[in-house]
Amino acid sequence: MVQYESSGLDAAFAALADPTRRGVMLHLVQADASITDLASRFGMTLTGMKKHVGVLEAAGFVATEKIGRVRKCRLGPRRMEDEAAWIERYRQAWDARFGALDNVLESMMRRENDDGQSS
């Protein structure tokens, strides 16, 4: 069984739970950006955006670098393999449950049809 470091998963899912942070990541997939650019794009204060970027950086999703007076953001080193594996494990469990439910429903429908034809 695969073991996951819960603190890493907790930080990752907490970082991804916020729509602004997901938006920041989506923007950084397309191009690097300064915190000032991101704050402007999302209609936030610099302080607010710095907090969001800090959460993403702590989770490893964003890396920042200070160039002169500007702090540039880019996608970080974390590739989400652990998160994807965790989600996949539960997706498979739910698929199995829904498959079993489909079988029960099909059986019930067959019996209902058989009972209707017998009358």
PDB file of N, CA and C in Angstrom:
ATOM      1  N   MET A   1       0.839  -1.178   0.000  1.00  0.00           N
ATOM      2  CA  MET A   1       0.000   0.000   0.000  1.00  0.00           C
ATOM      3  C   MET A   1       0.883   1.241   0.000  1.00  0.00           C
ATOM      4  N   VAL A   2       0.496   2.221  -0.774  1.00  0.00           N
ATOM      5  CA  VAL A   2       1.261   3.457  -0.865  1.00  0.00           C
ATOM      6  C   VAL A   2       1.027   4.282   0.390  1.00  0.00           C
ATOM      7  N   GLN A   3       2.084   4.790   0.975  1.00  0.00           N
ATOM      8  CA  GLN A   3       1.980   5.664   2.132  1.00  0.00           C
ATOM      9  C   GLN A   3       2.200   7.101   1.673  1.00  0.00           C
ATOM     10  N   TYR A   4       1.414   7.987   2.212  1.00  0.00           N
ATOM     11  CA  TYR A   4       1.519   9.396   1.852  1.00  0.00           C
ATOM     12  C   TYR A   4       1.934  10.187   3.082  1.00  0.00           C
ATOM     13  N   GLU A   5       2.767  11.163   2.852  1.00  0.00           N
ATOM     14  CA  GLU A   5       3.142  12.056   3.937  1.00  0.00           C
ATOM     15  C   GLU A   5       1.976  13.018   4.138  1.00  0.00           C
ATOM     16  N   SER A   6       1.248  12.848   5.230  1.00  0.00           N
ATOM     17  CA  SER A   6       0.013  13.609   5.409  1.00  0.00           C
ATOM     18  C   SER A   6       0.259  15.104   5.486  1.00  0.00           C
ATOM     19  N   SER A   7       1.355  15.538   6.072  1.00  0.00           N
ATOM     20  CA  SER A   7       1.590  16.983   6.167  1.00  0.00           C
ATOM     21  C   SER A   7       1.775  17.596   4.782  1.00  0.00           C
ATOM     22  N   GLY A   8       2.407  16.860   3.875  1.00  0.00           N
ATOM     23  CA  GLY A   8       2.566  17.358   2.504  1.00  0.00           C
ATOM     24  C   GLY A   8       1.239  17.421   1.776  1.00  0.00           C
ATOM     25  N   LEU A   9       0.427  16.368   1.947  1.00  0.00           N
ATOM     26  CA  LEU A   9      -0.904  16.371   1.335  1.00  0.00           C
ATOM     27  C   LEU A   9      -1.774  17.459   1.944  1.00  0.00           C
ATOM     28  N   ASP A  10      -1.690  17.625   3.255  1.00  0.00           N
ATOM     29  CA  ASP A  10      -2.484  18.671   3.914  1.00  0.00           C
ATOM     30  C   ASP A  10      -2.126  20.042   3.365  1.00  0.00           C
ATOM     31  N   ALA A  11      -0.837  20.319   3.238  1.00  0.00           N
ATOM     32  CA  ALA A  11      -0.400  21.621   2.719  1.00  0.00           C
ATOM     33  C   ALA A  11      -0.835  21.797   1.270  1.00  0.00           C
ATOM     34  N   ALA A  12      -0.724  20.732   0.487  1.00  0.00           N
ATOM     35  CA  ALA A  12      -1.104  20.817  -0.928  1.00  0.00           C
ATOM     36  C   ALA A  12      -2.594  21.082  -1.084  1.00  0.00           C
ATOM     37  N   PHE A  13      -3.424  20.286  -0.395  1.00  0.00           N
ATOM     38  CA  PHE A  13      -4.865  20.459  -0.542  1.00  0.00           C
ATOM     39  C   PHE A  13      -5.335  21.779   0.066  1.00  0.00           C
ATOM     40  N   ALA A  14      -4.702  22.222   1.141  1.00  0.00           N
ATOM     41  CA  ALA A  14      -5.048  23.527   1.711  1.00  0.00           C
ATOM     42  C   ALA A  14      -4.702  24.646   0.729  1.00  0.00           C
ATOM     43  N   ALA A  15      -3.552  24.523   0.082  1.00  0.00           N
ATOM     44  CA  ALA A  15      -3.152  25.540  -0.897  1.00  0.00           C
ATOM     45  C   ALA A  15      -4.103  25.561  -2.084  1.00  0.00           C
ATOM     46  N   LEU A  16      -4.538  24.392  -2.520  1.00  0.00           N
ATOM     47  CA  LEU A  16      -5.408  24.297  -3.694  1.00  0.00           C
ATOM     48  C   LEU A  16      -6.880  24.549  -3.374  1.00  0.00           C
ATOM     49  N   ALA A  17      -7.215  24.637  -2.095  1.00  0.00           N
ATOM     50  CA  ALA A  17      -8.611  24.824  -1.702  1.00  0.00           C
ATOM     51  C   ALA A  17      -9.127  26.222  -2.041  1.00  0.00           C
ATOM     52  N   ASP A  18      -8.248  27.170  -2.199  1.00  0.00           N
ATOM     53  CA  ASP A  18      -8.661  28.549  -2.434  1.00  0.00           C
ATOM     54  C   ASP A  18      -8.722  28.856  -3.926  1.00  0.00           C
ATOM     55  N   PRO A  19      -9.831  29.412  -4.417  1.00  0.00           N
ATOM     56  CA  PRO A  19      -9.951  29.695  -5.850  1.00  0.00           C
ATOM     57  C   PRO A  19      -8.933  30.715  -6.366  1.00  0.00           C
ATOM     58  N   THR A  20      -8.551  31.669  -5.534  1.00  0.00           N
ATOM     59  CA  THR A  20      -7.538  32.637  -5.974  1.00  0.00           C
ATOM     60  C   THR A  20      -6.210  31.939  -6.199  1.00  0.00           C
ATOM     61  N   ARG A  21      -5.836  31.040  -5.293  1.00  0.00           N
ATOM     62  CA  ARG A  21      -4.563  30.338  -5.454  1.00  0.00           C
ATOM     63  C   ARG A  21      -4.585  29.420  -6.666  1.00  0.00           C
ATOM     64  N   ARG A  22      -5.729  28.779  -6.914  1.00  0.00           N
ATOM     65  CA  ARG A  22      -5.827  27.965  -8.134  1.00  0.00           C
ATOM     66  C   ARG A  22      -5.708  28.858  -9.362  1.00  0.00           C
ATOM     67  N   GLY A  23      -6.281  30.047  -9.313  1.00  0.00           N
ATOM     68  CA  GLY A  23      -6.169  30.992 -10.422  1.00  0.00           C
ATOM     69  C   GLY A  23      -4.735  31.442 -10.639  1.00  0.00           C
ATOM     70  N   VAL A  24      -4.023  31.661  -9.547  1.00  0.00           N
ATOM     71  CA  VAL A  24      -2.607  32.048  -9.646  1.00  0.00           C
ATOM     72  C   VAL A  24      -1.829  30.936 -10.332  1.00  0.00           C
ATOM     73  N   MET A  25      -2.068  29.709  -9.924  1.00  0.00           N
ATOM     74  CA  MET A  25      -1.352  28.593 -10.553  1.00  0.00           C
ATOM     75  C   MET A  25      -1.695  28.491 -12.031  1.00  0.00           C
ATOM     76  N   LEU A  26      -2.963  28.653 -12.362  1.00  0.00           N
ATOM     77  CA  LEU A  26      -3.366  28.602 -13.765  1.00  0.00           C
ATOM     78  C   LEU A  26      -2.656  29.688 -14.568  1.00  0.00           C
ATOM     79  N   HIS A  27      -2.552  30.864 -13.994  1.00  0.00           N
ATOM     80  CA  HIS A  27      -1.840  31.953 -14.684  1.00  0.00           C
ATOM     81  C   HIS A  27      -0.356  31.616 -14.843  1.00  0.00           C
ATOM     82  N   LEU A  28       0.246  31.050 -13.804  1.00  0.00           N
ATOM     83  CA  LEU A  28       1.680  30.742 -13.861  1.00  0.00           C
ATOM     84  C   LEU A  28       2.001  29.585 -14.801  1.00  0.00           C
ATOM     85  N   VAL A  29       1.012  28.757 -15.119  1.00  0.00           N
ATOM     86  CA  VAL A  29       1.218  27.719 -16.136  1.00  0.00           C
ATOM     87  C   VAL A  29       1.515  28.387 -17.472  1.00  0.00           C
ATOM     88  N   GLN A  30       0.872  29.530 -17.697  1.00  0.00           N
ATOM     89  CA  GLN A  30       1.021  30.240 -18.972  1.00  0.00           C
ATOM     90  C   GLN A  30       2.262  31.120 -19.006  1.00  0.00           C
ATOM     91  N   ALA A  31       2.573  31.783 -17.877  1.00  0.00           N
ATOM     92  CA  ALA A  31       3.723  32.698 -17.857  1.00  0.00           C
ATOM     93  C   ALA A  31       4.089  33.050 -16.423  1.00  0.00           C
ATOM     94  N   ASP A  32       5.366  33.302 -16.198  1.00  0.00           N
ATOM     95  CA  ASP A  32       5.809  33.806 -14.906  1.00  0.00           C
ATOM     96  C   ASP A  32       5.213  35.200 -14.715  1.00  0.00           C
ATOM     97  N   ALA A  33       5.105  35.617 -13.456  1.00  0.00           N
ATOM     98  CA  ALA A  33       4.528  36.936 -13.187  1.00  0.00           C
ATOM     99  C   ALA A  33       5.071  37.468 -11.868  1.00  0.00           C
ATOM    100  N   SER A  34       5.078  38.774 -11.744  1.00  0.00           N
ATOM    101  CA  SER A  34       5.463  39.388 -10.479  1.00  0.00           C
ATOM    102  C   SER A  34       4.265  39.368  -9.539  1.00  0.00           C
ATOM    103  N   ILE A  35       4.541  39.522  -8.259  1.00  0.00           N
ATOM    104  CA  ILE A  35       3.449  39.581  -7.288  1.00  0.00           C
ATOM    105  C   ILE A  35       2.572  40.796  -7.583  1.00  0.00           C
ATOM    106  N   THR A  36       3.173  41.890  -8.017  1.00  0.00           N
ATOM    107  CA  THR A  36       2.403  43.087  -8.376  1.00  0.00           C
ATOM    108  C   THR A  36       1.450  42.788  -9.526  1.00  0.00           C
ATOM    109  N   ASP A  37       1.937  42.095 -10.552  1.00  0.00           N
ATOM    110  CA  ASP A  37       1.081  41.726 -11.688  1.00  0.00           C
ATOM    111  C   ASP A  37      -0.068  40.830 -11.238  1.00  0.00           C
ATOM    112  N   LEU A  38       0.240  39.853 -10.397  1.00  0.00           N
ATOM    113  CA  LEU A  38      -0.793  38.934  -9.915  1.00  0.00           C
ATOM    114  C   LEU A  38      -1.833  39.676  -9.069  1.00  0.00           C
ATOM    115  N   ALA A  39      -1.365  40.574  -8.205  1.00  0.00           N
ATOM    116  CA  ALA A  39      -2.291  41.341  -7.360  1.00  0.00           C
ATOM    117  C   ALA A  39      -3.232  42.164  -8.229  1.00  0.00           C
ATOM    118  N   SER A  40      -2.680  42.790  -9.244  1.00  0.00           N
ATOM    119  CA  SER A  40      -3.499  43.593 -10.157  1.00  0.00           C
ATOM    120  C   SER A  40      -4.495  42.721 -10.903  1.00  0.00           C
ATOM    121  N   ARG A  41      -4.033  41.606 -11.397  1.00  0.00           N
ATOM    122  CA  ARG A  41      -4.879  40.693 -12.171  1.00  0.00           C
ATOM    123  C   ARG A  41      -6.067  40.175 -11.352  1.00  0.00           C
ATOM    124  N   PHE A  42      -5.834  39.931 -10.059  1.00  0.00           N
ATOM    125  CA  PHE A  42      -6.877  39.388  -9.200  1.00  0.00           C
ATOM    126  C   PHE A  42      -7.571  40.454  -8.347  1.00  0.00           C
ATOM    127  N   GLY A  43      -7.244  41.719  -8.583  1.00  0.00           N
ATOM    128  CA  GLY A  43      -7.899  42.806  -7.855  1.00  0.00           C
ATOM    129  C   GLY A  43      -7.654  42.760  -6.362  1.00  0.00           C
ATOM    130  N   MET A  44      -6.413  42.489  -5.988  1.00  0.00           N
ATOM    131  CA  MET A  44      -6.060  42.344  -4.576  1.00  0.00           C
ATOM    132  C   MET A  44      -4.966  43.323  -4.196  1.00  0.00           C
ATOM    133  N   THR A  45      -4.781  43.475  -2.899  1.00  0.00           N
ATOM    134  CA  THR A  45      -3.648  44.250  -2.411  1.00  0.00           C
ATOM    135  C   THR A  45      -2.381  43.414  -2.552  1.00  0.00           C
ATOM    136  N   LEU A  46      -1.248  44.084  -2.538  1.00  0.00           N
ATOM    137  CA  LEU A  46       0.032  43.357  -2.576  1.00  0.00           C
ATOM    138  C   LEU A  46       0.161  42.431  -1.365  1.00  0.00           C
ATOM    139  N   THR A  47      -0.254  42.913  -0.202  1.00  0.00           N
ATOM    140  CA  THR A  47      -0.167  42.105   1.014  1.00  0.00           C
ATOM    141  C   THR A  47      -1.010  40.837   0.888  1.00  0.00           C
ATOM    142  N   GLY A  48      -2.215  40.967   0.368  1.00  0.00           N
ATOM    143  CA  GLY A  48      -3.086  39.804   0.177  1.00  0.00           C
ATOM    144  C   GLY A  48      -2.486  38.800  -0.786  1.00  0.00           C
ATOM    145  N   MET A  49      -1.939  39.296  -1.893  1.00  0.00           N
ATOM    146  CA  MET A  49      -1.346  38.390  -2.876  1.00  0.00           C
ATOM    147  C   MET A  49      -0.084  37.745  -2.323  1.00  0.00           C
ATOM    148  N   LYS A  50       0.714  38.489  -1.550  1.00  0.00           N
ATOM    149  CA  LYS A  50       1.912  37.899  -0.944  1.00  0.00           C
ATOM    150  C   LYS A  50       1.543  36.731  -0.050  1.00  0.00           C
ATOM    151  N   LYS A  51       0.427  36.848   0.671  1.00  0.00           N
ATOM    152  CA  LYS A  51      -0.017  35.748   1.541  1.00  0.00           C
ATOM    153  C   LYS A  51      -0.407  34.530   0.708  1.00  0.00           C
ATOM    154  N   HIS A  52      -1.145  34.756  -0.373  1.00  0.00           N
ATOM    155  CA  HIS A  52      -1.525  33.635  -1.243  1.00  0.00           C
ATOM    156  C   HIS A  52      -0.296  32.966  -1.848  1.00  0.00           C
ATOM    157  N   VAL A  53       0.626  33.768  -2.341  1.00  0.00           N
ATOM    158  CA  VAL A  53       1.849  33.230  -2.943  1.00  0.00           C
ATOM    159  C   VAL A  53       2.664  32.488  -1.883  1.00  0.00           C
ATOM    160  N   GLY A  54       2.680  33.002  -0.661  1.00  0.00           N
ATOM    161  CA  GLY A  54       3.405  32.341   0.423  1.00  0.00           C
ATOM    162  C   GLY A  54       2.857  30.952   0.719  1.00  0.00           C
ATOM    163  N   VAL A  55       1.527  30.807   0.704  1.00  0.00           N
ATOM    164  CA  VAL A  55       0.908  29.502   0.929  1.00  0.00           C
ATOM    165  C   VAL A  55       1.278  28.547  -0.203  1.00  0.00           C
ATOM    166  N   LEU A  56       1.210  29.036  -1.446  1.00  0.00           N
ATOM    167  CA  LEU A  56       1.577  28.205  -2.601  1.00  0.00           C
ATOM    168  C   LEU A  56       3.057  27.842  -2.571  1.00  0.00           C
ATOM    169  N   GLU A  57       3.877  28.774  -2.139  1.00  0.00           N
ATOM    170  CA  GLU A  57       5.314  28.522  -2.067  1.00  0.00           C
ATOM    171  C   GLU A  57       5.628  27.498  -0.971  1.00  0.00           C
ATOM    172  N   ALA A  58       4.958  27.607   0.178  1.00  0.00           N
ATOM    173  CA  ALA A  58       5.177  26.650   1.275  1.00  0.00           C
ATOM    174  C   ALA A  58       4.783  25.233   0.851  1.00  0.00           C
ATOM    175  N   ALA A  59       3.787  25.131  -0.018  1.00  0.00           N
ATOM    176  CA  ALA A  59       3.353  23.816  -0.508  1.00  0.00           C
ATOM    177  C   ALA A  59       4.229  23.318  -1.656  1.00  0.00           C
ATOM    178  N   GLY A  60       5.115  24.166  -2.174  1.00  0.00           N
ATOM    179  CA  GLY A  60       6.012  23.773  -3.258  1.00  0.00           C
ATOM    180  C   GLY A  60       5.443  23.988  -4.649  1.00  0.00           C
ATOM    181  N   PHE A  61       4.266  24.609  -4.748  1.00  0.00           N
ATOM    182  CA  PHE A  61       3.639  24.818  -6.048  1.00  0.00           C
ATOM    183  C   PHE A  61       4.172  26.045  -6.777  1.00  0.00           C
ATOM    184  N   VAL A  62       4.723  26.990  -6.037  1.00  0.00           N
ATOM    185  CA  VAL A  62       5.238  28.231  -6.615  1.00  0.00           C
ATOM    186  C   VAL A  62       6.627  28.479  -6.052  1.00  0.00           C
ATOM    187  N   ALA A  63       7.490  29.004  -6.885  1.00  0.00           N
ATOM    188  CA  ALA A  63       8.815  29.444  -6.444  1.00  0.00           C
ATOM    189  C   ALA A  63       8.921  30.929  -6.757  1.00  0.00           C
ATOM    190  N   THR A  64       9.553  31.664  -5.866  1.00  0.00           N
ATOM    191  CA  THR A  64       9.726  33.101  -6.102  1.00  0.00           C
ATOM    192  C   THR A  64      11.210  33.438  -6.091  1.00  0.00           C
ATOM    193  N   GLU A  65      11.504  34.532  -6.770  1.00  0.00           N
ATOM    194  CA  GLU A  65      12.883  35.028  -6.828  1.00  0.00           C
ATOM    195  C   GLU A  65      12.822  36.543  -6.863  1.00  0.00           C
ATOM    196  N   LYS A  66      13.618  37.161  -6.022  1.00  0.00           N
ATOM    197  CA  LYS A  66      13.653  38.625  -5.995  1.00  0.00           C
ATOM    198  C   LYS A  66      14.683  39.105  -7.006  1.00  0.00           C
ATOM    199  N   ILE A  67      14.208  39.899  -7.959  1.00  0.00           N
ATOM    200  CA  ILE A  67      15.074  40.476  -8.982  1.00  0.00           C
ATOM    201  C   ILE A  67      14.967  41.983  -8.836  1.00  0.00           C
ATOM    202  N   GLY A  68      15.995  42.576  -8.216  1.00  0.00           N
ATOM    203  CA  GLY A  68      15.929  44.008  -7.913  1.00  0.00           C
ATOM    204  C   GLY A  68      14.842  44.247  -6.877  1.00  0.00           C
ATOM    205  N   ARG A  69      13.862  45.068  -7.232  1.00  0.00           N
ATOM    206  CA  ARG A  69      12.761  45.363  -6.312  1.00  0.00           C
ATOM    207  C   ARG A  69      11.515  44.530  -6.620  1.00  0.00           C
ATOM    208  N   VAL A  70      11.630  43.642  -7.593  1.00  0.00           N
ATOM    209  CA  VAL A  70      10.465  42.871  -8.044  1.00  0.00           C
ATOM    210  C   VAL A  70      10.608  41.409  -7.622  1.00  0.00           C
ATOM    211  N   ARG A  71       9.551  40.846  -7.065  1.00  0.00           N
ATOM    212  CA  ARG A  71       9.537  39.423  -6.726  1.00  0.00           C
ATOM    213  C   ARG A  71       8.765  38.698  -7.812  1.00  0.00           C
ATOM    214  N   LYS A  72       9.506  37.879  -8.571  1.00  0.00           N
ATOM    215  CA  LYS A  72       8.916  37.100  -9.673  1.00  0.00           C
ATOM    216  C   LYS A  72       8.455  35.744  -9.170  1.00  0.00           C
ATOM    217  N   CYS A  73       7.325  35.285  -9.693  1.00  0.00           N
ATOM    218  CA  CYS A  73       6.765  33.991  -9.330  1.00  0.00           C
ATOM    219  C   CYS A  73       6.764  33.088 -10.553  1.00  0.00           C
ATOM    220  N   ARG A  74       7.030  31.827 -10.321  1.00  0.00           N
ATOM    221  CA  ARG A  74       6.942  30.817 -11.377  1.00  0.00           C
ATOM    222  C   ARG A  74       6.453  29.530 -10.739  1.00  0.00           C
ATOM    223  N   LEU A  75       6.070  28.577 -11.558  1.00  0.00           N
ATOM    224  CA  LEU A  75       5.657  27.289 -11.002  1.00  0.00           C
ATOM    225  C   LEU A  75       6.809  26.680 -10.233  1.00  0.00           C
ATOM    226  N   GLY A  76       6.503  26.054  -9.126  1.00  0.00           N
ATOM    227  CA  GLY A  76       7.515  25.463  -8.268  1.00  0.00           C
ATOM    228  C   GLY A  76       7.825  24.028  -8.654  1.00  0.00           C
ATOM    229  N   PRO A  77       8.621  23.379  -7.828  1.00  0.00           N
ATOM    230  CA  PRO A  77       9.091  22.031  -8.147  1.00  0.00           C
ATOM    231  C   PRO A  77       8.075  20.918  -7.907  1.00  0.00           C
ATOM    232  N   ARG A  78       7.045  21.184  -7.126  1.00  0.00           N
ATOM    233  CA  ARG A  78       6.082  20.122  -6.791  1.00  0.00           C
ATOM    234  C   ARG A  78       5.254  19.759  -8.003  1.00  0.00           C
ATOM    235  N   ARG A  79       5.159  18.457  -8.292  1.00  0.00           N
ATOM    236  CA  ARG A  79       4.488  18.008  -9.512  1.00  0.00           C
ATOM    237  C   ARG A  79       3.152  17.327  -9.261  1.00  0.00           C
ATOM    238  N   MET A  80       2.714  17.241  -8.053  1.00  0.00           N
ATOM    239  CA  MET A  80       1.406  16.711  -7.666  1.00  0.00           C
ATOM    240  C   MET A  80       1.244  15.206  -7.856  1.00  0.00           C
ATOM    241  N   GLU A  81       2.336  14.449  -7.917  1.00  0.00           N
ATOM    242  CA  GLU A  81       2.198  12.993  -8.044  1.00  0.00           C
ATOM    243  C   GLU A  81       1.511  12.378  -6.834  1.00  0.00           C
ATOM    244  N   ASP A  82       1.894  12.804  -5.630  1.00  0.00           N
ATOM    245  CA  ASP A  82       1.283  12.242  -4.419  1.00  0.00           C
ATOM    246  C   ASP A  82      -0.203  12.571  -4.355  1.00  0.00           C
ATOM    247  N   GLU A  83      -0.543  13.799  -4.709  1.00  0.00           N
ATOM    248  CA  GLU A  83      -1.944  14.221  -4.680  1.00  0.00           C
ATOM    249  C   GLU A  83      -2.761  13.438  -5.712  1.00  0.00           C
ATOM    250  N   ALA A  84      -2.202  13.278  -6.903  1.00  0.00           N
ATOM    251  CA  ALA A  84      -2.900  12.532  -7.959  1.00  0.00           C
ATOM    252  C   ALA A  84      -3.070  11.069  -7.561  1.00  0.00           C
ATOM    253  N   ALA A  85      -2.056  10.474  -6.930  1.00  0.00           N
ATOM    254  CA  ALA A  85      -2.148   9.080  -6.491  1.00  0.00           C
ATOM    255  C   ALA A  85      -3.196   8.932  -5.395  1.00  0.00           C
ATOM    256  N   TRP A  86      -3.250   9.882  -4.478  1.00  0.00           N
ATOM    257  CA  TRP A  86      -4.246   9.840  -3.411  1.00  0.00           C
ATOM    258  C   TRP A  86      -5.657   9.923  -3.995  1.00  0.00           C
ATOM    259  N   ILE A  87      -5.861  10.837  -4.917  1.00  0.00           N
ATOM    260  CA  ILE A  87      -7.168  10.992  -5.560  1.00  0.00           C
ATOM    261  C   ILE A  87      -7.523   9.738  -6.355  1.00  0.00           C
ATOM    262  N   GLU A  88      -6.563   9.184  -7.072  1.00  0.00           N
ATOM    263  CA  GLU A  88      -6.806   7.994  -7.891  1.00  0.00           C
ATOM    264  C   GLU A  88      -7.245   6.810  -7.032  1.00  0.00           C
ATOM    265  N   ARG A  89      -6.633   6.663  -5.883  1.00  0.00           N
ATOM    266  CA  ARG A  89      -7.002   5.568  -4.978  1.00  0.00           C
ATOM    267  C   ARG A  89      -8.477   5.661  -4.599  1.00  0.00           C
ATOM    268  N   TYR A  90      -8.945   6.843  -4.279  1.00  0.00           N
ATOM    269  CA  TYR A  90     -10.348   7.016  -3.904  1.00  0.00           C
ATOM    270  C   TYR A  90     -11.272   6.963  -5.117  1.00  0.00           C
ATOM    271  N   ARG A  91     -10.798   7.405  -6.264  1.00  0.00           N
ATOM    272  CA  ARG A  91     -11.604   7.307  -7.485  1.00  0.00           C
ATOM    273  C   ARG A  91     -11.884   5.844  -7.802  1.00  0.00           C
ATOM    274  N   GLN A  92     -10.864   5.000  -7.669  1.00  0.00           N
ATOM    275  CA  GLN A  92     -11.041   3.569  -7.930  1.00  0.00           C
ATOM    276  C   GLN A  92     -12.039   2.955  -6.950  1.00  0.00           C
ATOM    277  N   ALA A  93     -11.962   3.347  -5.685  1.00  0.00           N
ATOM    278  CA  ALA A  93     -12.899   2.823  -4.688  1.00  0.00           C
ATOM    279  C   ALA A  93     -14.326   3.237  -5.029  1.00  0.00           C
ATOM    280  N   TRP A  94     -14.515   4.489  -5.416  1.00  0.00           N
ATOM    281  CA  TRP A  94     -15.861   4.950  -5.773  1.00  0.00           C
ATOM    282  C   TRP A  94     -16.346   4.280  -7.051  1.00  0.00           C
ATOM    283  N   ASP A  95     -15.464   4.093  -8.013  1.00  0.00           N
ATOM    284  CA  ASP A  95     -15.855   3.382  -9.243  1.00  0.00           C
ATOM    285  C   ASP A  95     -16.347   1.976  -8.918  1.00  0.00           C
ATOM    286  N   ALA A  96     -15.659   1.290  -8.011  1.00  0.00           N
ATOM    287  CA  ALA A  96     -16.060  -0.064  -7.625  1.00  0.00           C
ATOM    288  C   ALA A  96     -17.429  -0.040  -6.940  1.00  0.00           C
ATOM    289  N   ARG A  97     -17.651   0.934  -6.085  1.00  0.00           N
ATOM    290  CA  ARG A  97     -18.946   1.036  -5.403  1.00  0.00           C
ATOM    291  C   ARG A  97     -20.075   1.333  -6.384  1.00  0.00           C
ATOM    292  N   PHE A  98     -19.826   2.255  -7.296  1.00  0.00           N
ATOM    293  CA  PHE A  98     -20.859   2.570  -8.283  1.00  0.00           C
ATOM    294  C   PHE A  98     -21.095   1.392  -9.224  1.00  0.00           C
ATOM    295  N   GLY A  99     -20.049   0.643  -9.528  1.00  0.00           N
ATOM    296  CA  GLY A  99     -20.207  -0.559 -10.348  1.00  0.00           C
ATOM    297  C   GLY A  99     -21.087  -1.578  -9.648  1.00  0.00           C
ATOM    298  N   ALA A 100     -20.876  -1.768  -8.358  1.00  0.00           N
ATOM    299  CA  ALA A 100     -21.704  -2.695  -7.581  1.00  0.00           C
ATOM    300  C   ALA A 100     -23.152  -2.198  -7.523  1.00  0.00           C
ATOM    301  N   LEU A 101     -23.336  -0.901  -7.371  1.00  0.00           N
ATOM    302  CA  LEU A 101     -24.685  -0.340  -7.355  1.00  0.00           C
ATOM    303  C   LEU A 101     -25.372  -0.547  -8.699  1.00  0.00           C
ATOM    304  N   ASP A 102     -24.643  -0.345  -9.792  1.00  0.00           N
ATOM    305  CA  ASP A 102     -25.195  -0.601 -11.133  1.00  0.00           C
ATOM    306  C   ASP A 102     -25.678  -2.043 -11.250  1.00  0.00           C
ATOM    307  N   ASN A 103     -24.890  -2.987 -10.740  1.00  0.00           N
ATOM    308  CA  ASN A 103     -25.272  -4.409 -10.794  1.00  0.00           C
ATOM    309  C   ASN A 103     -26.557  -4.663 -10.013  1.00  0.00           C
ATOM    310  N   VAL A 104     -26.684  -4.065  -8.831  1.00  0.00           N
ATOM    311  CA  VAL A 104     -27.893  -4.239  -8.022  1.00  0.00           C
ATOM    312  C   VAL A 104     -29.103  -3.662  -8.754  1.00  0.00           C
ATOM    313  N   LEU A 105     -28.949  -2.469  -9.310  1.00  0.00           N
ATOM    314  CA  LEU A 105     -30.065  -1.834 -10.014  1.00  0.00           C
ATOM    315  C   LEU A 105     -30.483  -2.634 -11.252  1.00  0.00           C
ATOM    316  N   GLU A 106     -29.503  -3.133 -11.985  1.00  0.00           N
ATOM    317  CA  GLU A 106     -29.824  -3.949 -13.163  1.00  0.00           C
ATOM    318  C   GLU A 106     -30.564  -5.218 -12.753  1.00  0.00           C
ATOM    319  N   SER A 107     -30.132  -5.840 -11.662  1.00  0.00           N
ATOM    320  CA  SER A 107     -30.795  -7.042 -11.166  1.00  0.00           C
ATOM    321  C   SER A 107     -32.234  -6.735 -10.759  1.00  0.00           C
ATOM    322  N   MET A 108     -32.428  -5.619 -10.076  1.00  0.00           N
ATOM    323  CA  MET A 108     -33.773  -5.228  -9.661  1.00  0.00           C
ATOM    324  C   MET A 108     -34.664  -4.962 -10.872  1.00  0.00           C
ATOM    325  N   MET A 109     -34.114  -4.318 -11.875  1.00  0.00           N
ATOM    326  CA  MET A 109     -34.898  -4.016 -13.084  1.00  0.00           C
ATOM    327  C   MET A 109     -35.261  -5.301 -13.824  1.00  0.00           C
ATOM    328  N   ARG A 110     -34.339  -6.263 -13.884  1.00  0.00           N
ATOM    329  CA  ARG A 110     -34.635  -7.544 -14.536  1.00  0.00           C
ATOM    330  C   ARG A 110     -35.760  -8.259 -13.809  1.00  0.00           C
ATOM    331  N   ARG A 111     -35.659  -8.288 -12.459  1.00  0.00           N
ATOM    332  CA  ARG A 111     -36.713  -8.938 -11.671  1.00  0.00           C
ATOM    333  C   ARG A 111     -38.055  -8.234 -11.878  1.00  0.00           C
ATOM    334  N   GLU A 112     -38.036  -6.918 -11.912  1.00  0.00           N
ATOM    335  CA  GLU A 112     -39.271  -6.160 -12.121  1.00  0.00           C
ATOM    336  C   GLU A 112     -39.866  -6.462 -13.485  1.00  0.00           C
ATOM    337  N   ASN A 113     -39.010  -6.511 -14.499  1.00  0.00           N
ATOM    338  CA  ASN A 113     -39.477  -6.843 -15.845  1.00  0.00           C
ATOM    339  C   ASN A 113     -40.007  -8.274 -15.904  1.00  0.00           C
ATOM    340  N   ASP A 114     -39.304  -9.208 -15.257  1.00  0.00           N
ATOM    341  CA  ASP A 114     -39.749 -10.596 -15.225  1.00  0.00           C
ATOM    342  C   ASP A 114     -41.092 -10.713 -14.523  1.00  0.00           C
ATOM    343  N   ASP A 115     -41.271  -9.981 -13.414  1.00  0.00           N
ATOM    344  CA  ASP A 115     -42.548 -10.006 -12.686  1.00  0.00           C
ATOM    345  C   ASP A 115     -43.666  -9.404 -13.517  1.00  0.00           C
ATOM    346  N   GLY A 116     -43.368  -8.375 -14.280  1.00  0.00           N
ATOM    347  CA  GLY A 116     -44.372  -7.734 -15.130  1.00  0.00           C
ATOM    348  C   GLY A 116     -44.792  -8.615 -16.278  1.00  0.00           C
ATOM    349  N   GLN A 117     -43.878  -9.419 -16.787  1.00  0.00           N
ATOM    350  CA  GLN A 117     -44.197 -10.318 -17.904  1.00  0.00           C
ATOM    351  C   GLN A 117     -44.932 -11.554 -17.428  1.00  0.00           C
ATOM    352  N   SER A 118     -44.762 -11.925 -16.152  1.00  0.00           N
ATOM    353  CA  SER A 118     -45.409 -13.112 -15.596  1.00  0.00           C
ATOM    354  C   SER A 118     -46.886 -12.868 -15.321  1.00  0.00           C
ATOM    355  N   SER A 119     -47.282 -11.621 -15.135  1.00  0.00           N
ATOM    356  CA  SER A 119     -48.669 -11.326 -14.752  1.00  0.00           C
ATOM    357  C   SER A 119     -49.660 -11.524 -15.824  1.00  0.00           C
TER     358      SER A 119
END
